Amino acid sequence: MFSRASFLILATVILGLFSQVHAHAAVSPMLGVNGTPVRNNVKRPSTANPCGAGINVANSINNAQAVTAAADGSFTVTAIAFNGGVDGSRQMTAQVSANGRGQNFVAATVTKNGDRAPARAGNQQITAKLPANTRCTGGTAGNRCLVQFRSVAGFGNCVVVQQGAAGAGAGANARQGGTRAARAMLAEIAERGEEAIEVVKRKASQWIWA
């Protein structure tokens, strides 16, 4: 027969285990999950499984929903707590694998974090920033990074972050600048007539040595 004290101790242990089973948090969009993650999708990132057990990074990164980083490397994701308290913490740390393979992680900065111990389940946007001069090279397109998020309680997952918008804009600006320069040179050639060859030589020299 159990004494009352023994019963209370056993009940406390069971309740503790129950709360741990139901203590989860995730970050969306989540690598390996289509749509919004649910409780059963939650992982515990580790050294052996940086995105959580069962996640094949190489097979998932190209088809994953990606977040696009701004020109300064910042991006926003959604932290989801499936219960309140520290075990459902939405306060995250982040680290980045620039090659998108889940290797060579370096620390990223979380500039706007979530609640350490939310009162109840719910969502909260958090903002992180890639380290300065990070160049994402993962995926078929060669512009994807892998960012691992981990909560205070050790729950978390990976998010795919892509670069490209800023680079595309810079390339367009460069092309426009080159076009303007070419038009200006042609206009000068037409105006100066017999000095055209010297103009071409001078312009070519400036471009070579610029």
N, C-alpha and C. Protein backbone atom coordinates (compact mmCIF):
# COMPACT_ATOMS: atom_id res chain seq x y z
N MET A 1 0.84 -1.20 0.00
CA MET A 1 0.00 0.00 0.00
C MET A 1 0.87 1.25 0.00
N PHE A 2 0.48 2.22 -0.82
CA PHE A 2 1.18 3.49 -0.86
C PHE A 2 0.71 4.36 0.30
N SER A 3 1.65 5.03 0.93
CA SER A 3 1.27 6.04 1.92
C SER A 3 0.85 7.30 1.18
N ARG A 4 0.21 8.21 1.89
CA ARG A 4 -0.21 9.47 1.27
C ARG A 4 0.99 10.24 0.74
N ALA A 5 2.08 10.24 1.51
CA ALA A 5 3.28 10.97 1.10
C ALA A 5 3.86 10.37 -0.18
N SER A 6 3.89 9.02 -0.25
CA SER A 6 4.42 8.35 -1.45
C SER A 6 3.56 8.66 -2.67
N PHE A 7 2.24 8.69 -2.45
CA PHE A 7 1.34 8.99 -3.56
C PHE A 7 1.56 10.40 -4.08
N LEU A 8 1.76 11.36 -3.18
CA LEU A 8 1.98 12.74 -3.59
C LEU A 8 3.29 12.89 -4.35
N ILE A 9 4.32 12.18 -3.92
CA ILE A 9 5.61 12.24 -4.62
C ILE A 9 5.46 11.67 -6.03
N LEU A 10 4.78 10.52 -6.14
CA LEU A 10 4.58 9.89 -7.44
C LEU A 10 3.77 10.80 -8.36
N ALA A 11 2.72 11.41 -7.81
CA ALA A 11 1.90 12.30 -8.61
C ALA A 11 2.70 13.49 -9.11
N THR A 12 3.57 14.02 -8.26
CA THR A 12 4.40 15.15 -8.66
C THR A 12 5.33 14.78 -9.81
N VAL A 13 5.94 13.59 -9.71
CA VAL A 13 6.85 13.12 -10.77
C VAL A 13 6.10 12.96 -12.08
N ILE A 14 4.90 12.34 -12.01
CA ILE A 14 4.11 12.12 -13.22
C ILE A 14 3.72 13.44 -13.86
N LEU A 15 3.29 14.39 -13.04
CA LEU A 15 2.91 15.69 -13.58
C LEU A 15 4.10 16.40 -14.19
N GLY A 16 5.27 16.23 -13.57
CA GLY A 16 6.48 16.84 -14.11
C GLY A 16 6.82 16.28 -15.47
N LEU A 17 6.73 14.94 -15.59
CA LEU A 17 7.00 14.32 -16.87
C LEU A 17 5.96 14.73 -17.90
N PHE A 18 4.72 14.83 -17.51
CA PHE A 18 3.65 15.24 -18.42
C PHE A 18 3.90 16.64 -18.95
N SER A 19 4.33 17.55 -18.08
CA SER A 19 4.57 18.93 -18.52
C SER A 19 5.76 19.01 -19.45
N GLN A 20 6.77 18.14 -19.23
CA GLN A 20 7.92 18.15 -20.12
C GLN A 20 7.56 17.63 -21.50
N VAL A 21 6.70 16.60 -21.56
CA VAL A 21 6.27 16.07 -22.84
C VAL A 21 5.53 17.13 -23.64
N HIS A 22 4.78 17.97 -22.95
CA HIS A 22 3.98 18.98 -23.61
C HIS A 22 4.68 20.34 -23.68
N ALA A 23 5.96 20.36 -23.39
CA ALA A 23 6.70 21.62 -23.39
C ALA A 23 7.48 21.74 -24.68
N HIS A 24 7.00 22.58 -25.58
CA HIS A 24 7.63 22.66 -26.88
C HIS A 24 7.59 24.08 -27.43
N ALA A 25 8.53 24.35 -28.34
CA ALA A 25 8.52 25.60 -29.10
C ALA A 25 9.21 25.34 -30.43
N ALA A 26 8.85 26.11 -31.43
CA ALA A 26 9.43 25.96 -32.77
C ALA A 26 9.52 27.33 -33.43
N VAL A 27 10.26 27.37 -34.53
CA VAL A 27 10.40 28.62 -35.29
C VAL A 27 9.94 28.35 -36.72
N SER A 28 9.09 29.21 -37.23
CA SER A 28 8.53 29.07 -38.58
C SER A 28 9.04 30.19 -39.48
N PRO A 29 9.33 29.87 -40.78
CA PRO A 29 9.14 28.58 -41.47
C PRO A 29 10.21 27.57 -41.07
N MET A 30 9.79 26.35 -40.88
CA MET A 30 10.65 25.30 -40.33
C MET A 30 11.14 24.37 -41.44
N LEU A 31 12.43 24.16 -41.48
CA LEU A 31 13.01 23.24 -42.46
C LEU A 31 12.42 21.85 -42.27
N GLY A 32 11.93 21.25 -43.37
CA GLY A 32 11.37 19.92 -43.31
C GLY A 32 9.87 19.88 -43.06
N VAL A 33 9.25 21.05 -42.92
CA VAL A 33 7.81 21.13 -42.65
C VAL A 33 7.15 22.04 -43.67
N ASN A 34 6.09 21.57 -44.28
CA ASN A 34 5.30 22.42 -45.18
C ASN A 34 4.22 23.12 -44.38
N GLY A 35 4.20 24.44 -44.43
CA GLY A 35 3.21 25.17 -43.67
C GLY A 35 3.69 25.45 -42.25
N THR A 36 2.74 25.74 -41.38
CA THR A 36 3.06 26.09 -40.00
C THR A 36 3.33 24.84 -39.18
N PRO A 37 4.44 24.79 -38.45
CA PRO A 37 4.73 23.61 -37.63
C PRO A 37 3.73 23.43 -36.50
N VAL A 38 3.50 22.17 -36.13
CA VAL A 38 2.65 21.83 -34.99
C VAL A 38 3.53 21.19 -33.92
N ARG A 39 2.90 20.90 -32.77
CA ARG A 39 3.67 20.36 -31.64
C ARG A 39 4.52 19.16 -32.01
N ASN A 40 3.97 18.25 -32.79
CA ASN A 40 4.69 17.02 -33.14
C ASN A 40 5.89 17.27 -34.05
N ASN A 41 5.99 18.46 -34.63
CA ASN A 41 7.13 18.78 -35.50
C ASN A 41 8.35 19.28 -34.73
N VAL A 42 8.16 19.58 -33.46
CA VAL A 42 9.24 20.21 -32.69
C VAL A 42 10.45 19.28 -32.57
N LYS A 43 11.64 19.89 -32.66
CA LYS A 43 12.89 19.15 -32.59
C LYS A 43 13.75 19.65 -31.43
N ARG A 44 14.81 18.91 -31.18
CA ARG A 44 15.86 19.35 -30.25
C ARG A 44 17.18 19.35 -31.03
N PRO A 45 17.59 20.49 -31.56
CA PRO A 45 18.85 20.53 -32.31
C PRO A 45 20.03 20.07 -31.44
N SER A 46 20.97 19.40 -32.07
CA SER A 46 22.16 18.92 -31.37
C SER A 46 23.35 18.99 -32.32
N THR A 47 24.52 18.68 -31.80
CA THR A 47 25.71 18.67 -32.65
C THR A 47 25.58 17.61 -33.75
N ALA A 48 25.06 16.45 -33.38
CA ALA A 48 24.91 15.37 -34.35
C ALA A 48 23.78 15.66 -35.34
N ASN A 49 22.74 16.31 -34.86
CA ASN A 49 21.57 16.63 -35.70
C ASN A 49 21.26 18.12 -35.54
N PRO A 50 21.98 18.98 -36.26
CA PRO A 50 21.87 20.43 -36.04
C PRO A 50 20.48 20.99 -36.33
N CYS A 51 19.69 20.29 -37.13
CA CYS A 51 18.32 20.74 -37.40
C CYS A 51 17.29 19.84 -36.74
N GLY A 52 17.75 18.91 -35.92
CA GLY A 52 16.86 17.98 -35.25
C GLY A 52 16.86 16.62 -35.91
N ALA A 53 16.54 15.60 -35.15
CA ALA A 53 16.55 14.24 -35.66
C ALA A 53 15.55 14.08 -36.80
N GLY A 54 15.96 13.33 -37.82
CA GLY A 54 15.08 13.03 -38.94
C GLY A 54 15.08 14.05 -40.06
N ILE A 55 15.87 15.11 -39.93
CA ILE A 55 15.91 16.15 -40.96
C ILE A 55 17.13 15.94 -41.85
N ASN A 56 16.89 15.68 -43.12
CA ASN A 56 17.97 15.55 -44.10
C ASN A 56 18.14 16.90 -44.79
N VAL A 57 19.16 17.64 -44.40
CA VAL A 57 19.36 19.00 -44.89
C VAL A 57 19.52 19.03 -46.40
N ALA A 58 20.36 18.14 -46.93
CA ALA A 58 20.64 18.14 -48.37
C ALA A 58 19.37 17.93 -49.19
N ASN A 59 18.45 17.10 -48.69
CA ASN A 59 17.23 16.81 -49.43
C ASN A 59 16.14 17.85 -49.22
N SER A 60 16.32 18.72 -48.22
CA SER A 60 15.26 19.65 -47.84
C SER A 60 15.51 21.10 -48.22
N ILE A 61 16.77 21.50 -48.31
CA ILE A 61 17.07 22.93 -48.41
C ILE A 61 16.54 23.58 -49.68
N ASN A 62 16.54 22.85 -50.80
CA ASN A 62 16.09 23.46 -52.06
C ASN A 62 14.58 23.70 -52.11
N ASN A 63 13.83 22.82 -51.46
CA ASN A 63 12.37 22.93 -51.51
C ASN A 63 11.78 23.64 -50.30
N ALA A 64 12.63 24.01 -49.36
CA ALA A 64 12.13 24.64 -48.14
C ALA A 64 11.65 26.07 -48.40
N GLN A 65 10.61 26.45 -47.67
CA GLN A 65 10.19 27.85 -47.70
C GLN A 65 11.29 28.68 -47.07
N ALA A 66 11.76 29.69 -47.77
CA ALA A 66 12.89 30.48 -47.28
C ALA A 66 12.46 31.89 -46.90
N VAL A 67 13.19 32.44 -45.95
CA VAL A 67 13.03 33.84 -45.57
C VAL A 67 14.12 34.62 -46.28
N THR A 68 13.78 35.76 -46.87
CA THR A 68 14.77 36.56 -47.58
C THR A 68 15.39 37.59 -46.64
N ALA A 69 16.71 37.60 -46.59
CA ALA A 69 17.42 38.55 -45.75
C ALA A 69 17.46 39.92 -46.41
N ALA A 70 17.35 40.96 -45.61
CA ALA A 70 17.47 42.32 -46.11
C ALA A 70 18.93 42.61 -46.45
N ALA A 71 19.19 43.78 -47.00
CA ALA A 71 20.55 44.14 -47.41
C ALA A 71 21.52 44.11 -46.24
N ASP A 72 21.04 44.41 -45.03
CA ASP A 72 21.92 44.40 -43.85
C ASP A 72 22.00 43.04 -43.19
N GLY A 73 21.36 42.02 -43.80
CA GLY A 73 21.42 40.67 -43.26
C GLY A 73 20.33 40.33 -42.28
N SER A 74 19.42 41.24 -42.00
CA SER A 74 18.37 40.98 -41.02
C SER A 74 17.18 40.27 -41.65
N PHE A 75 16.47 39.49 -40.86
CA PHE A 75 15.29 38.76 -41.32
C PHE A 75 14.40 38.47 -40.11
N THR A 76 13.12 38.25 -40.38
CA THR A 76 12.14 38.02 -39.31
C THR A 76 11.47 36.67 -39.49
N VAL A 77 11.34 35.94 -38.38
CA VAL A 77 10.67 34.65 -38.36
C VAL A 77 9.65 34.65 -37.21
N THR A 78 8.91 33.56 -37.07
CA THR A 78 7.89 33.47 -36.03
C THR A 78 8.23 32.37 -35.04
N ALA A 79 8.37 32.74 -33.77
CA ALA A 79 8.58 31.75 -32.71
C ALA A 79 7.22 31.32 -32.19
N ILE A 80 7.02 30.01 -32.08
CA ILE A 80 5.73 29.46 -31.67
C ILE A 80 5.91 28.66 -30.38
N ALA A 81 5.19 29.05 -29.34
CA ALA A 81 5.20 28.30 -28.09
C ALA A 81 3.93 27.45 -28.03
N PHE A 82 4.08 26.17 -27.70
CA PHE A 82 2.93 25.28 -27.61
C PHE A 82 2.43 25.14 -26.18
N ASN A 83 3.10 25.81 -25.25
CA ASN A 83 2.62 25.92 -23.89
C ASN A 83 3.35 27.09 -23.22
N GLY A 84 2.88 27.51 -22.07
CA GLY A 84 3.51 28.61 -21.38
C GLY A 84 4.70 28.16 -20.54
N GLY A 85 5.35 29.13 -19.92
CA GLY A 85 6.48 28.85 -19.04
C GLY A 85 7.80 28.76 -19.78
N VAL A 86 8.86 28.54 -19.00
CA VAL A 86 10.21 28.50 -19.58
C VAL A 86 10.36 27.36 -20.57
N ASP A 87 9.69 26.23 -20.31
CA ASP A 87 9.79 25.09 -21.23
C ASP A 87 9.18 25.40 -22.59
N GLY A 88 8.30 26.39 -22.65
CA GLY A 88 7.75 26.83 -23.93
C GLY A 88 8.35 28.15 -24.36
N SER A 89 9.57 28.41 -23.91
CA SER A 89 10.22 29.69 -24.15
C SER A 89 10.31 30.04 -25.64
N ARG A 90 10.03 31.31 -25.94
CA ARG A 90 10.21 31.82 -27.30
C ARG A 90 11.49 32.67 -27.39
N GLN A 91 12.30 32.63 -26.36
CA GLN A 91 13.59 33.32 -26.39
C GLN A 91 14.60 32.40 -27.05
N MET A 92 15.20 32.88 -28.14
CA MET A 92 16.03 32.01 -28.98
C MET A 92 17.46 32.51 -29.11
N THR A 93 18.38 31.57 -29.31
CA THR A 93 19.71 31.89 -29.81
C THR A 93 19.74 31.42 -31.27
N ALA A 94 20.67 31.96 -32.04
CA ALA A 94 20.74 31.60 -33.46
C ALA A 94 22.18 31.44 -33.90
N GLN A 95 22.41 30.52 -34.81
CA GLN A 95 23.71 30.39 -35.45
C GLN A 95 23.52 29.99 -36.90
N VAL A 96 24.52 30.35 -37.72
CA VAL A 96 24.37 30.28 -39.17
C VAL A 96 25.40 29.34 -39.80
N SER A 97 24.90 28.50 -40.71
CA SER A 97 25.77 27.70 -41.57
C SER A 97 25.69 28.31 -42.96
N ALA A 98 26.71 29.07 -43.34
CA ALA A 98 26.67 29.82 -44.60
C ALA A 98 26.65 28.90 -45.81
N ASN A 99 27.24 27.70 -45.70
CA ASN A 99 27.24 26.79 -46.85
C ASN A 99 25.96 25.97 -46.96
N GLY A 100 25.04 26.16 -46.01
CA GLY A 100 23.75 25.50 -46.08
C GLY A 100 23.78 24.01 -45.84
N ARG A 101 24.88 23.48 -45.33
CA ARG A 101 25.01 22.04 -45.12
C ARG A 101 24.87 21.64 -43.65
N GLY A 102 24.67 22.62 -42.79
CA GLY A 102 24.62 22.32 -41.37
C GLY A 102 26.00 22.13 -40.79
N GLN A 103 26.98 22.80 -41.39
CA GLN A 103 28.37 22.72 -40.95
C GLN A 103 28.91 24.13 -40.70
N ASN A 104 29.99 24.18 -39.93
CA ASN A 104 30.71 25.45 -39.71
C ASN A 104 29.77 26.56 -39.23
N PHE A 105 28.99 26.26 -38.22
CA PHE A 105 28.07 27.26 -37.68
C PHE A 105 28.83 28.38 -36.98
N VAL A 106 28.35 29.60 -37.18
CA VAL A 106 28.86 30.76 -36.44
C VAL A 106 27.66 31.49 -35.85
N ALA A 107 27.91 32.19 -34.76
CA ALA A 107 26.81 32.85 -34.04
C ALA A 107 26.20 33.98 -34.85
N ALA A 108 24.88 34.06 -34.82
CA ALA A 108 24.13 35.17 -35.41
C ALA A 108 23.56 35.99 -34.25
N THR A 109 23.13 37.20 -34.56
CA THR A 109 22.59 38.09 -33.53
C THR A 109 21.07 38.10 -33.59
N VAL A 110 20.43 37.85 -32.45
CA VAL A 110 18.99 37.99 -32.37
C VAL A 110 18.71 39.40 -31.85
N THR A 111 18.25 40.26 -32.75
CA THR A 111 18.09 41.67 -32.40
C THR A 111 16.74 41.97 -31.73
N LYS A 112 15.75 41.12 -31.97
CA LYS A 112 14.45 41.26 -31.31
C LYS A 112 14.01 39.85 -30.91
N ASN A 113 14.08 39.57 -29.62
CA ASN A 113 13.84 38.21 -29.16
C ASN A 113 12.43 38.04 -28.60
N GLY A 114 12.07 36.78 -28.34
CA GLY A 114 10.77 36.47 -27.78
C GLY A 114 10.81 36.39 -26.27
N ASP A 115 9.67 36.10 -25.67
CA ASP A 115 9.57 36.01 -24.21
C ASP A 115 10.25 34.75 -23.70
N ARG A 116 10.98 34.92 -22.59
CA ARG A 116 11.68 33.78 -22.00
C ARG A 116 10.69 32.78 -21.39
N ALA A 117 9.65 33.28 -20.76
CA ALA A 117 8.66 32.41 -20.13
C ALA A 117 7.27 32.96 -20.42
N PRO A 118 6.74 32.70 -21.60
CA PRO A 118 5.42 33.25 -21.94
C PRO A 118 4.34 32.71 -21.01
N ALA A 119 3.35 33.52 -20.77
CA ALA A 119 2.27 33.12 -19.86
C ALA A 119 1.43 31.99 -20.45
N ARG A 120 1.37 31.93 -21.75
CA ARG A 120 0.53 30.92 -22.41
C ARG A 120 1.08 30.61 -23.80
N ALA A 121 0.52 29.64 -24.46
CA ALA A 121 0.91 29.30 -25.81
C ALA A 121 0.60 30.45 -26.76
N GLY A 122 1.36 30.54 -27.85
CA GLY A 122 1.10 31.59 -28.82
C GLY A 122 2.31 31.88 -29.68
N ASN A 123 2.15 32.82 -30.60
CA ASN A 123 3.20 33.17 -31.56
C ASN A 123 3.81 34.53 -31.24
N GLN A 124 5.04 34.72 -31.68
CA GLN A 124 5.74 35.98 -31.48
C GLN A 124 6.80 36.12 -32.55
N GLN A 125 6.85 37.26 -33.20
CA GLN A 125 7.87 37.48 -34.22
C GLN A 125 9.19 37.85 -33.57
N ILE A 126 10.25 37.26 -34.09
CA ILE A 126 11.60 37.60 -33.65
C ILE A 126 12.44 37.95 -34.87
N THR A 127 13.43 38.79 -34.66
CA THR A 127 14.29 39.24 -35.75
C THR A 127 15.73 38.89 -35.45
N ALA A 128 16.41 38.34 -36.43
CA ALA A 128 17.83 37.99 -36.30
C ALA A 128 18.61 38.62 -37.44
N LYS A 129 19.92 38.58 -37.32
CA LYS A 129 20.78 39.22 -38.32
C LYS A 129 21.98 38.33 -38.61
N LEU A 130 22.23 38.09 -39.88
CA LEU A 130 23.41 37.32 -40.28
C LEU A 130 24.67 38.10 -39.91
N PRO A 131 25.76 37.41 -39.57
CA PRO A 131 27.01 38.12 -39.31
C PRO A 131 27.44 38.95 -40.51
N ALA A 132 28.14 40.03 -40.25
CA ALA A 132 28.61 40.92 -41.32
C ALA A 132 29.42 40.14 -42.35
N ASN A 133 29.20 40.48 -43.61
CA ASN A 133 29.92 39.89 -44.74
C ASN A 133 29.61 38.42 -44.99
N THR A 134 28.51 37.94 -44.40
CA THR A 134 28.10 36.56 -44.67
C THR A 134 27.64 36.42 -46.12
N ARG A 135 28.13 35.40 -46.78
CA ARG A 135 27.69 35.08 -48.15
C ARG A 135 27.09 33.69 -48.14
N CYS A 136 25.79 33.60 -48.35
CA CYS A 136 25.11 32.31 -48.36
C CYS A 136 25.40 31.58 -49.67
N THR A 137 25.85 30.34 -49.59
CA THR A 137 26.24 29.60 -50.79
C THR A 137 25.53 28.26 -50.92
N GLY A 138 24.56 27.99 -50.06
CA GLY A 138 23.90 26.69 -50.06
C GLY A 138 22.79 26.57 -51.09
N GLY A 139 22.36 25.32 -51.31
CA GLY A 139 21.27 25.05 -52.24
C GLY A 139 21.71 25.12 -53.69
N THR A 140 20.84 24.68 -54.56
CA THR A 140 21.14 24.69 -55.99
C THR A 140 21.40 26.09 -56.51
N ALA A 141 20.66 27.06 -56.00
CA ALA A 141 20.83 28.45 -56.44
C ALA A 141 22.09 29.09 -55.89
N GLY A 142 22.68 28.48 -54.87
CA GLY A 142 23.92 29.01 -54.29
C GLY A 142 23.73 30.30 -53.53
N ASN A 143 22.53 30.51 -52.96
CA ASN A 143 22.29 31.76 -52.21
C ASN A 143 21.54 31.51 -50.91
N ARG A 144 21.62 30.27 -50.38
CA ARG A 144 20.86 29.94 -49.18
C ARG A 144 21.77 29.59 -48.00
N CYS A 145 21.40 30.12 -46.83
CA CYS A 145 22.05 29.79 -45.57
C CYS A 145 21.11 28.92 -44.75
N LEU A 146 21.66 28.25 -43.77
CA LEU A 146 20.88 27.49 -42.82
C LEU A 146 21.06 28.16 -41.45
N VAL A 147 19.96 28.55 -40.82
CA VAL A 147 20.02 29.20 -39.52
C VAL A 147 19.35 28.30 -38.49
N GLN A 148 20.12 27.92 -37.49
CA GLN A 148 19.59 27.08 -36.42
C GLN A 148 19.13 27.97 -35.27
N PHE A 149 17.87 27.77 -34.85
CA PHE A 149 17.34 28.45 -33.68
C PHE A 149 17.18 27.43 -32.56
N ARG A 150 17.50 27.87 -31.34
CA ARG A 150 17.35 26.99 -30.18
C ARG A 150 16.83 27.81 -29.00
N SER A 151 15.79 27.29 -28.35
CA SER A 151 15.18 28.01 -27.24
C SER A 151 15.96 27.78 -25.95
N VAL A 152 15.59 28.52 -24.91
CA VAL A 152 16.21 28.36 -23.60
C VAL A 152 16.06 26.92 -23.11
N ALA A 153 14.95 26.28 -23.46
CA ALA A 153 14.70 24.91 -23.03
C ALA A 153 15.31 23.87 -23.96
N GLY A 154 15.98 24.31 -25.02
CA GLY A 154 16.65 23.37 -25.92
C GLY A 154 15.84 22.93 -27.12
N PHE A 155 14.61 23.43 -27.25
CA PHE A 155 13.81 23.10 -28.42
C PHE A 155 14.16 24.05 -29.56
N GLY A 156 13.86 23.63 -30.79
CA GLY A 156 14.13 24.51 -31.92
C GLY A 156 14.21 23.75 -33.23
N ASN A 157 14.80 24.40 -34.21
CA ASN A 157 14.88 23.81 -35.55
C ASN A 157 15.69 24.74 -36.45
N CYS A 158 15.77 24.39 -37.72
CA CYS A 158 16.48 25.23 -38.69
C CYS A 158 15.50 25.97 -39.58
N VAL A 159 15.95 27.14 -40.04
CA VAL A 159 15.21 27.97 -40.99
C VAL A 159 16.15 28.27 -42.15
N VAL A 160 15.63 28.24 -43.36
CA VAL A 160 16.42 28.58 -44.54
C VAL A 160 16.30 30.08 -44.81
N VAL A 161 17.44 30.74 -44.93
CA VAL A 161 17.48 32.17 -45.23
C VAL A 161 18.21 32.35 -46.54
N GLN A 162 17.62 33.11 -47.44
CA GLN A 162 18.25 33.31 -48.76
C GLN A 162 18.63 34.77 -48.97
N GLN A 163 19.68 34.94 -49.72
CA GLN A 163 20.10 36.26 -50.18
C GLN A 163 19.77 36.40 -51.65
N GLY A 164 19.90 37.59 -52.20
CA GLY A 164 19.69 37.72 -53.62
C GLY A 164 19.07 39.01 -54.05
N ALA A 165 18.08 39.51 -53.32
CA ALA A 165 17.38 40.73 -53.74
C ALA A 165 18.33 41.90 -53.83
N ALA A 166 19.17 42.06 -52.79
CA ALA A 166 20.10 43.18 -52.79
C ALA A 166 21.13 43.04 -53.89
N GLY A 167 21.62 41.77 -54.07
CA GLY A 167 22.61 41.54 -55.11
C GLY A 167 22.06 41.81 -56.49
N ALA A 168 20.79 41.39 -56.71
CA ALA A 168 20.17 41.63 -58.00
C ALA A 168 20.03 43.12 -58.26
N GLY A 169 19.68 43.87 -57.23
CA GLY A 169 19.55 45.31 -57.38
C GLY A 169 20.88 45.97 -57.71
N ALA A 170 21.94 45.48 -57.05
CA ALA A 170 23.25 46.03 -57.32
C ALA A 170 23.68 45.74 -58.74
N GLY A 171 23.36 44.50 -59.20
CA GLY A 171 23.72 44.16 -60.57
C GLY A 171 22.99 45.01 -61.58
N ALA A 172 21.70 45.26 -61.33
CA ALA A 172 20.92 46.11 -62.23
C ALA A 172 21.48 47.52 -62.26
N ASN A 173 21.86 48.04 -61.09
CA ASN A 173 22.44 49.38 -61.04
C ASN A 173 23.75 49.45 -61.81
N ALA A 174 24.54 48.38 -61.69
CA ALA A 174 25.82 48.36 -62.40
C ALA A 174 25.60 48.36 -63.91
N ARG A 175 24.61 47.55 -64.35
CA ARG A 175 24.34 47.50 -65.79
C ARG A 175 23.84 48.85 -66.30
N GLN A 176 22.98 49.50 -65.51
CA GLN A 176 22.47 50.80 -65.91
C GLN A 176 23.60 51.82 -65.98
N GLY A 177 24.54 51.72 -65.00
CA GLY A 177 25.67 52.64 -65.01
C GLY A 177 26.55 52.44 -66.23
N GLY A 178 26.77 51.14 -66.59
CA GLY A 178 27.57 50.86 -67.77
C GLY A 178 26.90 51.37 -69.03
N THR A 179 25.59 51.23 -69.12
CA THR A 179 24.87 51.72 -70.29
C THR A 179 24.98 53.23 -70.42
N ARG A 180 24.84 53.94 -69.32
CA ARG A 180 24.95 55.40 -69.35
C ARG A 180 26.34 55.83 -69.79
N ALA A 181 27.37 55.13 -69.29
CA ALA A 181 28.73 55.47 -69.67
C ALA A 181 28.97 55.25 -71.16
N ALA A 182 28.44 54.13 -71.69
CA ALA A 182 28.61 53.83 -73.11
C ALA A 182 27.92 54.88 -73.98
N ARG A 183 26.71 55.29 -73.57
CA ARG A 183 26.00 56.30 -74.34
C ARG A 183 26.73 57.64 -74.32
N ALA A 184 27.28 57.97 -73.17
CA ALA A 184 28.02 59.23 -73.07
C ALA A 184 29.24 59.20 -73.97
N MET A 185 29.92 58.05 -74.05
CA MET A 185 31.11 57.94 -74.90
C MET A 185 30.72 58.08 -76.37
N LEU A 186 29.61 57.43 -76.77
CA LEU A 186 29.18 57.52 -78.16
C LEU A 186 28.82 58.96 -78.52
N ALA A 187 28.17 59.65 -77.59
CA ALA A 187 27.80 61.04 -77.85
C ALA A 187 29.05 61.90 -78.03
N GLU A 188 30.06 61.66 -77.23
CA GLU A 188 31.29 62.44 -77.34
C GLU A 188 32.01 62.15 -78.64
N ILE A 189 31.99 60.86 -79.05
CA ILE A 189 32.63 60.50 -80.33
C ILE A 189 31.95 61.23 -81.48
N ALA A 190 30.61 61.19 -81.49
CA ALA A 190 29.86 61.84 -82.57
C ALA A 190 30.13 63.34 -82.61
N GLU A 191 30.31 63.95 -81.48
CA GLU A 191 30.51 65.39 -81.42
C GLU A 191 31.91 65.79 -81.87
N ARG A 192 32.88 64.97 -81.55
CA ARG A 192 34.26 65.38 -81.79
C ARG A 192 34.81 64.90 -83.12
N GLY A 193 34.07 64.06 -83.84
CA GLY A 193 34.45 63.71 -85.20
C GLY A 193 35.81 63.07 -85.31
N GLU A 194 36.76 63.84 -85.90
CA GLU A 194 38.08 63.29 -86.21
C GLU A 194 38.87 62.90 -84.98
N GLU A 195 38.48 63.40 -83.84
CA GLU A 195 39.20 63.02 -82.62
C GLU A 195 38.62 61.76 -81.99
N ALA A 196 37.74 61.09 -82.71
CA ALA A 196 37.02 59.95 -82.14
C ALA A 196 37.95 58.86 -81.65
N ILE A 197 38.97 58.54 -82.45
CA ILE A 197 39.87 57.46 -82.07
C ILE A 197 40.57 57.78 -80.76
N GLU A 198 41.01 59.01 -80.61
CA GLU A 198 41.70 59.40 -79.39
C GLU A 198 40.74 59.34 -78.19
N VAL A 199 39.50 59.70 -78.44
CA VAL A 199 38.51 59.63 -77.37
C VAL A 199 38.34 58.19 -76.90
N VAL A 200 38.21 57.26 -77.88
CA VAL A 200 38.05 55.85 -77.55
C VAL A 200 39.24 55.34 -76.75
N LYS A 201 40.44 55.71 -77.21
CA LYS A 201 41.65 55.27 -76.51
C LYS A 201 41.65 55.77 -75.06
N ARG A 202 41.29 57.05 -74.90
CA ARG A 202 41.31 57.64 -73.57
C ARG A 202 40.29 56.98 -72.64
N LYS A 203 39.08 56.76 -73.17
CA LYS A 203 38.03 56.14 -72.37
C LYS A 203 38.41 54.70 -72.00
N ALA A 204 38.95 53.96 -72.98
CA ALA A 204 39.35 52.58 -72.72
C ALA A 204 40.41 52.53 -71.64
N SER A 205 41.36 53.48 -71.70
CA SER A 205 42.42 53.54 -70.71
C SER A 205 41.86 53.81 -69.32
N GLN A 206 40.90 54.71 -69.25
CA GLN A 206 40.28 55.03 -67.94
C GLN A 206 39.57 53.81 -67.36
N TRP A 207 38.88 53.06 -68.20
CA TRP A 207 38.14 51.89 -67.70
C TRP A 207 39.10 50.78 -67.23
N ILE A 208 40.19 50.62 -67.97
CA ILE A 208 41.15 49.56 -67.63
C ILE A 208 41.80 49.83 -66.28
N TRP A 209 42.15 51.10 -66.05
CA TRP A 209 42.89 51.44 -64.85
C TRP A 209 42.01 51.86 -63.67
N ALA A 210 40.70 51.91 -63.91
CA ALA A 210 39.77 52.33 -62.82
C ALA A 210 39.71 51.25 -61.74
